[in-house]
Amino acid sequence: MIELLEVFFIGFVISFLGQLPIGNMNLTATQLSVQENFPNAWKYGSGIVLVEIIYLRLALTGMDWVVEHKQLFMIMGWVTVIVFIVLGILAFVMARKQSGVKKGLLLNNKMNRFLLGMVVSGINPAQIPFWFLWSTQLLNSKVLMPTNGQFNWFTAGAGLGSLAGLAVYIHGGKWIITKLKTSNKGLNIFMGIVFILAGLFQLYNMLFKKNS
């Protein structure tokens, strides 16, 4: 039981720290808490975590399938580049035309926020190499053993760690924005910058992998 708790804690810490760097997914959670409400932000966060758990289990038990379908993830990577850059540009255009209170581009729709979280997380293939590298390292060092029990506890810890990391952005992010009295227009401009940087970073990864 102690070994399972250790694996759970390791998964929690890795996932929590992995959520802390600023990115489009966690900042969108902040946007939801500011421009809508906490319940919608948590629905969105739950959608993100569900997909991340699926990717993690794929990294733990289905790497043969991943290797056989490299082309699929290559296509997903290029789609991510296009979507992020387009969203960034449109966010700038919307902010420029914005005169009153208006939601960000990604939130200006009636899509269920849980589904929105799944979609945003689903088109982010960077999660697979992240978890593949960590799971490979943990398995090789015998910290994580290849059993269903340990995989389940590690996955559960990772899921809760991601939720804890998103909580920092949902609650802490809203607190900071409220204190700074940041306008929706300013927040949308910032999101535009983040989307474009994320798209360029993904583009760099795609070109680097292609040439390697």
N, C-alpha and C. Protein backbone atom coordinates (compact mmCIF):
# COMPACT_ATOMS: atom_id res chain seq x y z
N MET A 1 0.83 -1.21 0.00
CA MET A 1 0.00 0.00 0.00
C MET A 1 0.86 1.27 0.00
N ILE A 2 1.98 1.21 0.74
CA ILE A 2 2.88 2.36 0.80
C ILE A 2 3.46 2.65 -0.58
N GLU A 3 3.80 1.57 -1.32
CA GLU A 3 4.35 1.75 -2.66
C GLU A 3 3.33 2.42 -3.57
N LEU A 4 2.07 2.04 -3.44
CA LEU A 4 1.02 2.64 -4.26
C LEU A 4 0.85 4.12 -3.94
N LEU A 5 0.91 4.45 -2.65
CA LEU A 5 0.79 5.85 -2.24
C LEU A 5 1.98 6.67 -2.75
N GLU A 6 3.16 6.05 -2.75
CA GLU A 6 4.34 6.75 -3.27
C GLU A 6 4.18 7.03 -4.76
N VAL A 7 3.68 6.05 -5.50
CA VAL A 7 3.45 6.23 -6.94
C VAL A 7 2.39 7.30 -7.17
N PHE A 8 1.34 7.28 -6.34
CA PHE A 8 0.28 8.29 -6.43
C PHE A 8 0.87 9.69 -6.23
N PHE A 9 1.69 9.84 -5.21
CA PHE A 9 2.29 11.14 -4.90
C PHE A 9 3.22 11.61 -6.02
N ILE A 10 4.00 10.69 -6.57
CA ILE A 10 4.90 11.04 -7.68
C ILE A 10 4.10 11.53 -8.88
N GLY A 11 3.03 10.82 -9.20
CA GLY A 11 2.17 11.25 -10.31
C GLY A 11 1.56 12.62 -10.05
N PHE A 12 1.15 12.84 -8.81
CA PHE A 12 0.55 14.13 -8.43
C PHE A 12 1.55 15.27 -8.62
N VAL A 13 2.76 15.09 -8.11
CA VAL A 13 3.77 16.15 -8.16
C VAL A 13 4.18 16.46 -9.60
N ILE A 14 4.43 15.43 -10.40
CA ILE A 14 4.84 15.64 -11.79
C ILE A 14 3.76 16.40 -12.55
N SER A 15 2.51 15.97 -12.39
CA SER A 15 1.41 16.60 -13.11
C SER A 15 1.14 18.01 -12.62
N PHE A 16 1.21 18.22 -11.31
CA PHE A 16 0.98 19.55 -10.74
C PHE A 16 2.02 20.55 -11.27
N LEU A 17 3.28 20.16 -11.22
CA LEU A 17 4.35 21.04 -11.70
C LEU A 17 4.25 21.26 -13.20
N GLY A 18 3.79 20.22 -13.92
CA GLY A 18 3.64 20.35 -15.36
C GLY A 18 2.55 21.31 -15.77
N GLN A 19 1.58 21.55 -14.89
CA GLN A 19 0.49 22.48 -15.18
C GLN A 19 0.85 23.93 -14.87
N LEU A 20 1.90 24.16 -14.10
CA LEU A 20 2.19 25.52 -13.63
C LEU A 20 2.74 26.48 -14.69
N PRO A 21 3.58 26.02 -15.64
CA PRO A 21 4.05 26.97 -16.66
C PRO A 21 2.88 27.57 -17.44
N ILE A 22 2.97 28.85 -17.74
CA ILE A 22 1.88 29.54 -18.44
C ILE A 22 1.67 28.93 -19.82
N GLY A 23 0.43 28.63 -20.14
CA GLY A 23 0.08 28.07 -21.44
C GLY A 23 -1.34 28.43 -21.80
N ASN A 24 -1.73 28.10 -23.02
CA ASN A 24 -3.06 28.47 -23.48
C ASN A 24 -4.16 27.74 -22.72
N MET A 25 -3.91 26.49 -22.31
CA MET A 25 -4.96 25.73 -21.64
C MET A 25 -5.26 26.26 -20.25
N ASN A 26 -4.21 26.50 -19.45
CA ASN A 26 -4.48 26.96 -18.09
C ASN A 26 -4.93 28.43 -18.05
N LEU A 27 -4.46 29.24 -19.01
CA LEU A 27 -4.92 30.63 -19.05
C LEU A 27 -6.37 30.73 -19.50
N THR A 28 -6.80 29.78 -20.33
CA THR A 28 -8.21 29.75 -20.71
C THR A 28 -9.07 29.44 -19.50
N ALA A 29 -8.56 28.61 -18.59
CA ALA A 29 -9.27 28.34 -17.33
C ALA A 29 -9.42 29.63 -16.53
N THR A 30 -8.36 30.45 -16.51
CA THR A 30 -8.44 31.75 -15.84
C THR A 30 -9.48 32.64 -16.50
N GLN A 31 -9.47 32.66 -17.83
CA GLN A 31 -10.44 33.46 -18.57
C GLN A 31 -11.87 33.07 -18.21
N LEU A 32 -12.11 31.77 -18.13
CA LEU A 32 -13.45 31.29 -17.79
C LEU A 32 -13.87 31.74 -16.40
N SER A 33 -12.95 31.68 -15.44
CA SER A 33 -13.29 32.09 -14.08
C SER A 33 -13.57 33.59 -14.01
N VAL A 34 -12.90 34.37 -14.86
CA VAL A 34 -13.07 35.82 -14.86
C VAL A 34 -14.30 36.23 -15.66
N GLN A 35 -14.44 35.70 -16.87
CA GLN A 35 -15.48 36.15 -17.79
C GLN A 35 -16.78 35.37 -17.66
N GLU A 36 -16.74 34.23 -16.97
CA GLU A 36 -17.97 33.46 -16.74
C GLU A 36 -18.11 33.19 -15.24
N ASN A 37 -17.74 31.99 -14.81
CA ASN A 37 -17.85 31.67 -13.39
C ASN A 37 -16.97 30.47 -13.05
N PHE A 38 -16.84 30.19 -11.76
CA PHE A 38 -16.00 29.08 -11.32
C PHE A 38 -16.51 27.72 -11.79
N PRO A 39 -17.83 27.44 -11.71
CA PRO A 39 -18.30 26.12 -12.17
C PRO A 39 -17.92 25.82 -13.62
N ASN A 40 -18.06 26.81 -14.51
CA ASN A 40 -17.69 26.59 -15.91
C ASN A 40 -16.19 26.38 -16.06
N ALA A 41 -15.42 27.10 -15.25
CA ALA A 41 -13.97 26.92 -15.30
C ALA A 41 -13.59 25.51 -14.86
N TRP A 42 -14.29 24.99 -13.86
CA TRP A 42 -13.99 23.65 -13.39
C TRP A 42 -14.48 22.58 -14.36
N LYS A 43 -15.59 22.85 -15.04
CA LYS A 43 -16.03 21.92 -16.10
C LYS A 43 -14.97 21.82 -17.18
N TYR A 44 -14.47 22.98 -17.59
CA TYR A 44 -13.41 23.04 -18.59
C TYR A 44 -12.17 22.29 -18.11
N GLY A 45 -11.77 22.53 -16.87
CA GLY A 45 -10.60 21.86 -16.31
C GLY A 45 -10.77 20.36 -16.25
N SER A 46 -11.98 19.91 -15.92
CA SER A 46 -12.24 18.47 -15.85
C SER A 46 -12.12 17.83 -17.23
N GLY A 47 -12.57 18.55 -18.26
CA GLY A 47 -12.43 18.05 -19.64
C GLY A 47 -10.97 17.91 -20.03
N ILE A 48 -10.17 18.90 -19.64
CA ILE A 48 -8.73 18.84 -19.91
C ILE A 48 -8.11 17.62 -19.26
N VAL A 49 -8.43 17.41 -17.99
CA VAL A 49 -7.82 16.32 -17.22
C VAL A 49 -8.24 14.96 -17.75
N LEU A 50 -9.50 14.82 -18.18
CA LEU A 50 -9.96 13.54 -18.72
C LEU A 50 -9.12 13.13 -19.92
N VAL A 51 -8.91 14.06 -20.84
CA VAL A 51 -8.10 13.76 -22.03
C VAL A 51 -6.66 13.48 -21.65
N GLU A 52 -6.14 14.24 -20.68
CA GLU A 52 -4.76 14.02 -20.24
C GLU A 52 -4.59 12.63 -19.64
N ILE A 53 -5.59 12.17 -18.89
CA ILE A 53 -5.53 10.83 -18.32
C ILE A 53 -5.51 9.78 -19.42
N ILE A 54 -6.31 10.00 -20.46
CA ILE A 54 -6.33 9.07 -21.59
C ILE A 54 -4.96 9.03 -22.26
N TYR A 55 -4.37 10.21 -22.49
CA TYR A 55 -3.04 10.28 -23.08
C TYR A 55 -2.00 9.59 -22.19
N LEU A 56 -2.14 9.77 -20.88
CA LEU A 56 -1.19 9.15 -19.95
C LEU A 56 -1.28 7.64 -20.01
N ARG A 57 -2.49 7.12 -20.01
CA ARG A 57 -2.66 5.66 -20.07
C ARG A 57 -2.12 5.12 -21.39
N LEU A 58 -2.29 5.92 -22.45
CA LEU A 58 -1.76 5.53 -23.75
C LEU A 58 -0.23 5.47 -23.69
N ALA A 59 0.36 6.45 -23.00
CA ALA A 59 1.82 6.48 -22.86
C ALA A 59 2.31 5.31 -22.01
N LEU A 60 1.52 4.91 -21.02
CA LEU A 60 1.93 3.84 -20.12
C LEU A 60 1.78 2.45 -20.73
N THR A 61 0.69 2.24 -21.45
CA THR A 61 0.37 0.88 -21.89
C THR A 61 0.24 0.71 -23.40
N GLY A 62 0.20 1.80 -24.14
CA GLY A 62 -0.06 1.66 -25.57
C GLY A 62 0.98 2.31 -26.46
N MET A 63 2.25 2.31 -26.05
CA MET A 63 3.26 2.98 -26.86
C MET A 63 3.50 2.29 -28.19
N ASP A 64 3.24 0.99 -28.27
CA ASP A 64 3.36 0.31 -29.56
C ASP A 64 2.37 0.91 -30.55
N TRP A 65 1.15 1.19 -30.05
CA TRP A 65 0.14 1.80 -30.93
C TRP A 65 0.56 3.19 -31.34
N VAL A 66 1.13 3.95 -30.41
CA VAL A 66 1.58 5.31 -30.71
C VAL A 66 2.66 5.29 -31.78
N VAL A 67 3.62 4.37 -31.64
CA VAL A 67 4.72 4.28 -32.61
C VAL A 67 4.18 3.92 -33.99
N GLU A 68 3.18 3.04 -34.03
CA GLU A 68 2.61 2.62 -35.31
C GLU A 68 1.78 3.72 -35.97
N HIS A 69 1.37 4.73 -35.19
CA HIS A 69 0.52 5.80 -35.73
C HIS A 69 1.20 7.16 -35.59
N LYS A 70 2.51 7.19 -35.87
CA LYS A 70 3.24 8.46 -35.79
C LYS A 70 2.67 9.51 -36.73
N GLN A 71 2.22 9.05 -37.90
CA GLN A 71 1.70 9.99 -38.89
C GLN A 71 0.48 10.74 -38.36
N LEU A 72 -0.37 10.03 -37.59
CA LEU A 72 -1.56 10.65 -37.02
C LEU A 72 -1.17 11.78 -36.08
N PHE A 73 -0.19 11.56 -35.23
CA PHE A 73 0.22 12.59 -34.28
C PHE A 73 1.00 13.71 -34.96
N MET A 74 1.64 13.39 -36.09
CA MET A 74 2.28 14.43 -36.88
C MET A 74 1.22 15.38 -37.45
N ILE A 75 0.14 14.81 -37.95
CA ILE A 75 -0.96 15.62 -38.48
C ILE A 75 -1.58 16.47 -37.37
N MET A 76 -1.80 15.85 -36.20
CA MET A 76 -2.35 16.59 -35.06
C MET A 76 -1.44 17.75 -34.68
N GLY A 77 -0.13 17.53 -34.77
CA GLY A 77 0.81 18.60 -34.44
C GLY A 77 0.69 19.78 -35.37
N TRP A 78 0.56 19.53 -36.67
CA TRP A 78 0.41 20.63 -37.63
C TRP A 78 -0.93 21.32 -37.49
N VAL A 79 -1.97 20.55 -37.18
CA VAL A 79 -3.28 21.17 -36.93
C VAL A 79 -3.21 22.09 -35.73
N THR A 80 -2.48 21.66 -34.69
CA THR A 80 -2.31 22.49 -33.50
C THR A 80 -1.62 23.81 -33.83
N VAL A 81 -0.58 23.74 -34.66
CA VAL A 81 0.13 24.96 -35.08
C VAL A 81 -0.83 25.94 -35.73
N ILE A 82 -1.60 25.45 -36.68
CA ILE A 82 -2.53 26.31 -37.43
C ILE A 82 -3.60 26.89 -36.51
N VAL A 83 -4.21 26.02 -35.69
CA VAL A 83 -5.30 26.46 -34.81
C VAL A 83 -4.82 27.52 -33.82
N PHE A 84 -3.68 27.29 -33.17
CA PHE A 84 -3.18 28.23 -32.17
C PHE A 84 -2.83 29.58 -32.78
N ILE A 85 -2.15 29.58 -33.93
CA ILE A 85 -1.78 30.85 -34.55
C ILE A 85 -3.01 31.61 -35.03
N VAL A 86 -3.97 30.89 -35.62
CA VAL A 86 -5.21 31.54 -36.07
C VAL A 86 -5.97 32.12 -34.88
N LEU A 87 -6.07 31.36 -33.79
CA LEU A 87 -6.75 31.85 -32.60
C LEU A 87 -6.04 33.08 -32.03
N GLY A 88 -4.72 33.07 -32.08
CA GLY A 88 -3.96 34.22 -31.59
C GLY A 88 -4.23 35.47 -32.41
N ILE A 89 -4.21 35.32 -33.74
CA ILE A 89 -4.47 36.46 -34.62
C ILE A 89 -5.88 36.98 -34.43
N LEU A 90 -6.85 36.07 -34.38
CA LEU A 90 -8.24 36.48 -34.20
C LEU A 90 -8.47 37.14 -32.85
N ALA A 91 -7.72 36.70 -31.83
CA ALA A 91 -7.84 37.33 -30.51
C ALA A 91 -7.39 38.78 -30.57
N PHE A 92 -6.32 39.05 -31.32
CA PHE A 92 -5.85 40.43 -31.50
C PHE A 92 -6.88 41.27 -32.24
N VAL A 93 -7.45 40.68 -33.30
CA VAL A 93 -8.46 41.40 -34.09
C VAL A 93 -9.67 41.73 -33.24
N MET A 94 -10.11 40.74 -32.44
CA MET A 94 -11.27 40.95 -31.59
C MET A 94 -10.99 42.01 -30.53
N ALA A 95 -9.80 41.96 -29.94
CA ALA A 95 -9.44 42.94 -28.91
C ALA A 95 -9.39 44.35 -29.48
N ARG A 96 -8.92 44.46 -30.72
CA ARG A 96 -8.82 45.78 -31.36
C ARG A 96 -10.20 46.38 -31.60
N LYS A 97 -11.16 45.52 -31.96
CA LYS A 97 -12.51 46.01 -32.25
C LYS A 97 -13.36 46.10 -31.00
N GLN A 98 -12.86 45.58 -29.90
CA GLN A 98 -13.65 45.48 -28.67
C GLN A 98 -13.80 46.85 -28.01
N SER A 99 -15.04 47.20 -27.73
CA SER A 99 -15.31 48.49 -27.09
C SER A 99 -15.93 48.31 -25.70
N GLY A 100 -16.55 47.17 -25.47
CA GLY A 100 -17.19 46.93 -24.17
C GLY A 100 -16.77 45.58 -23.63
N VAL A 101 -17.54 45.06 -22.69
CA VAL A 101 -17.25 43.76 -22.10
C VAL A 101 -17.56 42.66 -23.11
N LYS A 102 -16.59 41.86 -23.42
CA LYS A 102 -16.78 40.79 -24.38
C LYS A 102 -15.88 39.62 -24.03
N LYS A 103 -16.39 38.41 -24.24
CA LYS A 103 -15.60 37.23 -23.92
C LYS A 103 -14.48 37.04 -24.93
N GLY A 104 -13.49 36.24 -24.51
CA GLY A 104 -12.41 35.89 -25.41
C GLY A 104 -12.92 35.04 -26.55
N LEU A 105 -12.13 34.96 -27.62
CA LEU A 105 -12.55 34.26 -28.83
C LEU A 105 -12.91 32.81 -28.55
N LEU A 106 -12.09 32.12 -27.78
CA LEU A 106 -12.32 30.71 -27.51
C LEU A 106 -13.57 30.48 -26.66
N LEU A 107 -14.00 31.51 -25.93
CA LEU A 107 -15.15 31.37 -25.04
C LEU A 107 -16.42 31.95 -25.61
N ASN A 108 -16.32 32.62 -26.74
CA ASN A 108 -17.47 33.32 -27.31
C ASN A 108 -18.34 32.35 -28.11
N ASN A 109 -18.83 31.32 -27.43
CA ASN A 109 -19.67 30.29 -28.04
C ASN A 109 -20.48 29.61 -26.95
N LYS A 110 -21.40 28.75 -27.36
CA LYS A 110 -22.28 28.07 -26.41
C LYS A 110 -21.86 26.63 -26.16
N MET A 111 -20.66 26.27 -26.59
CA MET A 111 -20.19 24.90 -26.38
C MET A 111 -20.09 24.58 -24.89
N ASN A 112 -20.53 23.39 -24.53
CA ASN A 112 -20.39 22.94 -23.15
C ASN A 112 -18.93 23.04 -22.72
N ARG A 113 -18.68 23.63 -21.56
CA ARG A 113 -17.31 23.91 -21.15
C ARG A 113 -16.50 22.64 -20.88
N PHE A 114 -17.15 21.57 -20.48
CA PHE A 114 -16.45 20.29 -20.32
C PHE A 114 -15.95 19.80 -21.67
N LEU A 115 -16.83 19.88 -22.67
CA LEU A 115 -16.45 19.47 -24.03
C LEU A 115 -15.36 20.38 -24.59
N LEU A 116 -15.46 21.68 -24.29
CA LEU A 116 -14.43 22.63 -24.73
C LEU A 116 -13.06 22.24 -24.17
N GLY A 117 -13.04 21.87 -22.89
CA GLY A 117 -11.79 21.43 -22.29
C GLY A 117 -11.23 20.19 -22.96
N MET A 118 -12.10 19.25 -23.31
CA MET A 118 -11.66 18.04 -23.99
C MET A 118 -11.08 18.36 -25.37
N VAL A 119 -11.73 19.28 -26.09
CA VAL A 119 -11.26 19.64 -27.43
C VAL A 119 -9.90 20.33 -27.36
N VAL A 120 -9.79 21.32 -26.47
CA VAL A 120 -8.52 22.06 -26.34
C VAL A 120 -7.39 21.12 -25.92
N SER A 121 -7.68 20.22 -25.00
CA SER A 121 -6.67 19.27 -24.54
C SER A 121 -6.36 18.23 -25.61
N GLY A 122 -7.39 17.85 -26.37
CA GLY A 122 -7.22 16.82 -27.39
C GLY A 122 -6.30 17.23 -28.53
N ILE A 123 -6.32 18.53 -28.88
CA ILE A 123 -5.48 18.99 -29.99
C ILE A 123 -4.09 19.40 -29.51
N ASN A 124 -3.77 19.05 -28.28
CA ASN A 124 -2.45 19.37 -27.73
C ASN A 124 -1.63 18.09 -27.58
N PRO A 125 -1.04 17.59 -28.68
CA PRO A 125 -0.33 16.31 -28.64
C PRO A 125 0.95 16.34 -27.82
N ALA A 126 1.36 17.52 -27.35
CA ALA A 126 2.59 17.62 -26.55
C ALA A 126 2.49 16.83 -25.26
N GLN A 127 1.27 16.53 -24.82
CA GLN A 127 1.09 15.77 -23.58
C GLN A 127 1.63 14.35 -23.70
N ILE A 128 1.55 13.79 -24.91
CA ILE A 128 1.99 12.40 -25.09
C ILE A 128 3.50 12.26 -24.89
N PRO A 129 4.35 13.05 -25.59
CA PRO A 129 5.79 12.92 -25.31
C PRO A 129 6.17 13.28 -23.87
N PHE A 130 5.42 14.24 -23.28
CA PHE A 130 5.68 14.61 -21.88
C PHE A 130 5.53 13.40 -20.98
N TRP A 131 4.40 12.70 -21.11
CA TRP A 131 4.16 11.55 -20.25
C TRP A 131 4.97 10.34 -20.68
N PHE A 132 5.26 10.23 -21.96
CA PHE A 132 6.10 9.11 -22.43
C PHE A 132 7.49 9.20 -21.81
N LEU A 133 8.07 10.40 -21.82
CA LEU A 133 9.41 10.58 -21.25
C LEU A 133 9.43 10.30 -19.75
N TRP A 134 8.41 10.82 -19.04
CA TRP A 134 8.37 10.60 -17.59
C TRP A 134 8.11 9.14 -17.25
N SER A 135 7.16 8.51 -17.95
CA SER A 135 6.84 7.11 -17.64
C SER A 135 8.02 6.20 -17.97
N THR A 136 8.72 6.50 -19.08
CA THR A 136 9.90 5.70 -19.44
C THR A 136 10.98 5.81 -18.37
N GLN A 137 11.21 7.05 -17.92
CA GLN A 137 12.22 7.28 -16.88
C GLN A 137 11.86 6.56 -15.59
N LEU A 138 10.59 6.66 -15.19
CA LEU A 138 10.15 6.04 -13.94
C LEU A 138 10.18 4.52 -14.02
N LEU A 139 9.81 3.97 -15.19
CA LEU A 139 9.84 2.52 -15.36
C LEU A 139 11.27 1.99 -15.39
N ASN A 140 12.15 2.71 -16.08
CA ASN A 140 13.55 2.27 -16.17
C ASN A 140 14.25 2.33 -14.82
N SER A 141 13.86 3.29 -14.00
CA SER A 141 14.48 3.43 -12.67
C SER A 141 13.78 2.58 -11.62
N LYS A 142 12.77 1.81 -12.03
CA LYS A 142 12.02 0.91 -11.14
C LYS A 142 11.20 1.66 -10.08
N VAL A 143 11.05 2.96 -10.25
CA VAL A 143 10.18 3.71 -9.33
C VAL A 143 8.73 3.35 -9.60
N LEU A 144 8.41 3.17 -10.88
CA LEU A 144 7.08 2.75 -11.30
C LEU A 144 7.19 1.36 -11.90
N MET A 145 6.39 0.43 -11.39
CA MET A 145 6.42 -0.94 -11.88
C MET A 145 5.28 -1.15 -12.88
N PRO A 146 5.52 -1.99 -13.90
CA PRO A 146 4.51 -2.20 -14.95
C PRO A 146 3.36 -3.10 -14.52
N THR A 147 2.60 -2.66 -13.53
CA THR A 147 1.42 -3.40 -13.08
C THR A 147 0.19 -2.49 -13.17
N ASN A 148 -0.96 -3.09 -13.36
CA ASN A 148 -2.19 -2.29 -13.46
C ASN A 148 -2.43 -1.47 -12.20
N GLY A 149 -2.12 -2.06 -11.04
CA GLY A 149 -2.33 -1.34 -9.79
C GLY A 149 -1.51 -0.07 -9.72
N GLN A 150 -0.23 -0.18 -10.02
CA GLN A 150 0.63 1.01 -9.96
C GLN A 150 0.26 2.01 -11.06
N PHE A 151 -0.08 1.52 -12.25
CA PHE A 151 -0.50 2.42 -13.33
C PHE A 151 -1.76 3.19 -12.93
N ASN A 152 -2.70 2.49 -12.28
CA ASN A 152 -3.95 3.15 -11.88
C ASN A 152 -3.70 4.22 -10.83
N TRP A 153 -2.87 3.92 -9.84
CA TRP A 153 -2.59 4.90 -8.79
C TRP A 153 -1.78 6.08 -9.34
N PHE A 154 -0.85 5.78 -10.22
CA PHE A 154 -0.05 6.85 -10.84
C PHE A 154 -0.95 7.77 -11.67
N THR A 155 -1.87 7.17 -12.42
CA THR A 155 -2.79 7.94 -13.24
C THR A 155 -3.72 8.79 -12.38
N ALA A 156 -4.23 8.20 -11.28
CA ALA A 156 -5.11 8.95 -10.38
C ALA A 156 -4.37 10.13 -9.77
N GLY A 157 -3.13 9.91 -9.35
CA GLY A 157 -2.33 11.01 -8.80
C GLY A 157 -2.09 12.10 -9.82
N ALA A 158 -1.80 11.69 -11.06
CA ALA A 158 -1.57 12.67 -12.12
C ALA A 158 -2.83 13.48 -12.40
N GLY A 159 -3.98 12.81 -12.40
CA GLY A 159 -5.23 13.53 -12.63
C GLY A 159 -5.50 14.57 -11.57
N LEU A 160 -5.33 14.20 -10.31
CA LEU A 160 -5.54 15.16 -9.22
C LEU A 160 -4.48 16.27 -9.24
N GLY A 161 -3.26 15.92 -9.65
CA GLY A 161 -2.21 16.93 -9.76
C GLY A 161 -2.54 17.97 -10.81
N SER A 162 -3.09 17.52 -11.93
CA SER A 162 -3.49 18.45 -12.99
C SER A 162 -4.61 19.37 -12.50
N LEU A 163 -5.58 18.79 -11.79
CA LEU A 163 -6.67 19.61 -11.25
C LEU A 163 -6.14 20.64 -10.26
N ALA A 164 -5.18 20.23 -9.43
CA ALA A 164 -4.59 21.17 -8.46
C ALA A 164 -3.85 22.30 -9.18
N GLY A 165 -3.13 21.95 -10.25
CA GLY A 165 -2.44 22.97 -11.02
C GLY A 165 -3.39 23.94 -11.69
N LEU A 166 -4.49 23.41 -12.22
CA LEU A 166 -5.50 24.27 -12.84
C LEU A 166 -6.18 25.14 -11.81
N ALA A 167 -6.32 24.62 -10.58
CA ALA A 167 -6.94 25.41 -9.51
C ALA A 167 -6.15 26.68 -9.24
N VAL A 168 -4.83 26.59 -9.39
CA VAL A 168 -3.99 27.78 -9.21
C VAL A 168 -4.38 28.87 -10.19
N TYR A 169 -4.67 28.46 -11.43
CA TYR A 169 -5.04 29.44 -12.46
C TYR A 169 -6.50 29.86 -12.34
N ILE A 170 -7.37 28.93 -11.96
CA ILE A 170 -8.79 29.26 -11.85
C ILE A 170 -9.04 30.25 -10.72
N HIS A 171 -8.49 29.97 -9.55
CA HIS A 171 -8.73 30.83 -8.39
C HIS A 171 -7.64 31.89 -8.22
N GLY A 172 -6.39 31.46 -8.28
CA GLY A 172 -5.30 32.43 -8.14
C GLY A 172 -5.24 33.41 -9.29
N GLY A 173 -5.49 32.91 -10.51
CA GLY A 173 -5.47 33.79 -11.67
C GLY A 173 -6.55 34.85 -11.60
N LYS A 174 -7.75 34.45 -11.19
CA LYS A 174 -8.83 35.43 -11.06
C LYS A 174 -8.50 36.45 -9.98
N TRP A 175 -7.92 36.00 -8.89
CA TRP A 175 -7.56 36.92 -7.81
C TRP A 175 -6.57 37.97 -8.29
N ILE A 176 -5.56 37.53 -9.05
CA ILE A 176 -4.54 38.46 -9.56
C ILE A 176 -5.16 39.45 -10.53
N ILE A 177 -5.98 38.95 -11.45
CA ILE A 177 -6.60 39.83 -12.45
C ILE A 177 -7.53 40.83 -11.79
N THR A 178 -8.25 40.38 -10.76
CA THR A 178 -9.13 41.29 -10.03
C THR A 178 -8.33 42.37 -9.32
N LYS A 179 -7.21 41.97 -8.70
CA LYS A 179 -6.36 42.94 -8.00
C LYS A 179 -5.74 43.94 -8.97
N LEU A 180 -5.32 43.46 -10.14
CA LEU A 180 -4.70 44.34 -11.12
C LEU A 180 -5.72 45.12 -11.93
N LYS A 181 -7.01 44.73 -11.76
CA LYS A 181 -8.10 45.39 -12.49
C LYS A 181 -7.87 45.33 -14.00
N THR A 182 -7.43 44.15 -14.45
CA THR A 182 -7.19 43.96 -15.88
C THR A 182 -8.51 43.89 -16.63
N SER A 183 -8.62 44.61 -17.73
CA SER A 183 -9.84 44.62 -18.53
C SER A 183 -9.91 43.35 -19.37
N ASN A 184 -11.13 43.04 -19.85
CA ASN A 184 -11.30 41.89 -20.74
C ASN A 184 -10.49 42.08 -22.02
N LYS A 185 -10.40 43.32 -22.48
CA LYS A 185 -9.62 43.60 -23.69
C LYS A 185 -8.15 43.27 -23.46
N GLY A 186 -7.62 43.68 -22.32
CA GLY A 186 -6.23 43.38 -21.99
C GLY A 186 -6.00 41.89 -21.85
N LEU A 187 -6.96 41.19 -21.24
CA LEU A 187 -6.85 39.75 -21.07
C LEU A 187 -6.88 39.04 -22.42
N ASN A 188 -7.73 39.53 -23.33
CA ASN A 188 -7.81 38.94 -24.66
C ASN A 188 -6.52 39.15 -25.45
N ILE A 189 -5.91 40.33 -25.30
CA ILE A 189 -4.63 40.59 -25.97
C ILE A 189 -3.56 39.63 -25.44
N PHE A 190 -3.54 39.46 -24.12
CA PHE A 190 -2.57 38.56 -23.51
C PHE A 190 -2.77 37.13 -24.00
N MET A 191 -4.04 36.71 -24.10
CA MET A 191 -4.34 35.37 -24.60
C MET A 191 -3.89 35.23 -26.05
N GLY A 192 -4.05 36.29 -26.84
CA GLY A 192 -3.59 36.26 -28.22
C GLY A 192 -2.09 36.02 -28.30
N ILE A 193 -1.35 36.71 -27.44
CA ILE A 193 0.11 36.53 -27.39
C ILE A 193 0.46 35.09 -27.03
N VAL A 194 -0.24 34.56 -26.02
CA VAL A 194 0.03 33.19 -25.57
C VAL A 194 -0.27 32.18 -26.66
N PHE A 195 -1.39 32.34 -27.37
CA PHE A 195 -1.74 31.42 -28.44
C PHE A 195 -0.69 31.44 -29.55
N ILE A 196 -0.25 32.64 -29.95
CA ILE A 196 0.74 32.73 -31.02
C ILE A 196 2.07 32.12 -30.58
N LEU A 197 2.50 32.41 -29.36
CA LEU A 197 3.74 31.82 -28.85
C LEU A 197 3.64 30.30 -28.78
N ALA A 198 2.48 29.80 -28.34
CA ALA A 198 2.28 28.35 -28.27
C ALA A 198 2.33 27.73 -29.66
N GLY A 199 1.72 28.43 -30.64
CA GLY A 199 1.74 27.95 -32.01
C GLY A 199 3.15 27.93 -32.58
N LEU A 200 3.92 28.99 -32.31
CA LEU A 200 5.30 29.06 -32.80
C LEU A 200 6.18 28.01 -32.13
N PHE A 201 5.93 27.77 -30.84
CA PHE A 201 6.69 26.75 -30.12
C PHE A 201 6.40 25.36 -30.69
N GLN A 202 5.11 25.11 -30.99
CA GLN A 202 4.73 23.83 -31.59
C GLN A 202 5.33 23.70 -32.99
N LEU A 203 5.36 24.82 -33.74
CA LEU A 203 5.96 24.81 -35.07
C LEU A 203 7.44 24.46 -34.99
N TYR A 204 8.12 25.05 -34.02
CA TYR A 204 9.55 24.74 -33.81
C TYR A 204 9.73 23.25 -33.52
N ASN A 205 8.87 22.70 -32.67
CA ASN A 205 8.96 21.28 -32.34
C ASN A 205 8.74 20.41 -33.57
N MET A 206 7.77 20.79 -34.39
CA MET A 206 7.47 20.01 -35.58
C MET A 206 8.65 20.03 -36.55
N LEU A 207 9.24 21.19 -36.78
CA LEU A 207 10.36 21.31 -37.70
C LEU A 207 11.60 20.62 -37.15
N PHE A 208 11.79 20.75 -35.84
CA PHE A 208 12.95 20.12 -35.20
C PHE A 208 12.87 18.61 -35.31
N LYS A 209 11.68 18.06 -35.03
CA LYS A 209 11.49 16.61 -35.10
C LYS A 209 11.64 16.11 -36.53
N LYS A 210 11.15 16.96 -37.45
CA LYS A 210 11.21 16.56 -38.86
C LYS A 210 12.64 16.46 -39.34
N ASN A 211 13.49 17.37 -38.82
CA ASN A 211 14.88 17.41 -39.27
C ASN A 211 15.79 16.49 -38.47
N SER A 212 15.24 15.93 -37.39
CA SER A 212 16.09 15.08 -36.54
C SER A 212 16.04 13.63 -36.99
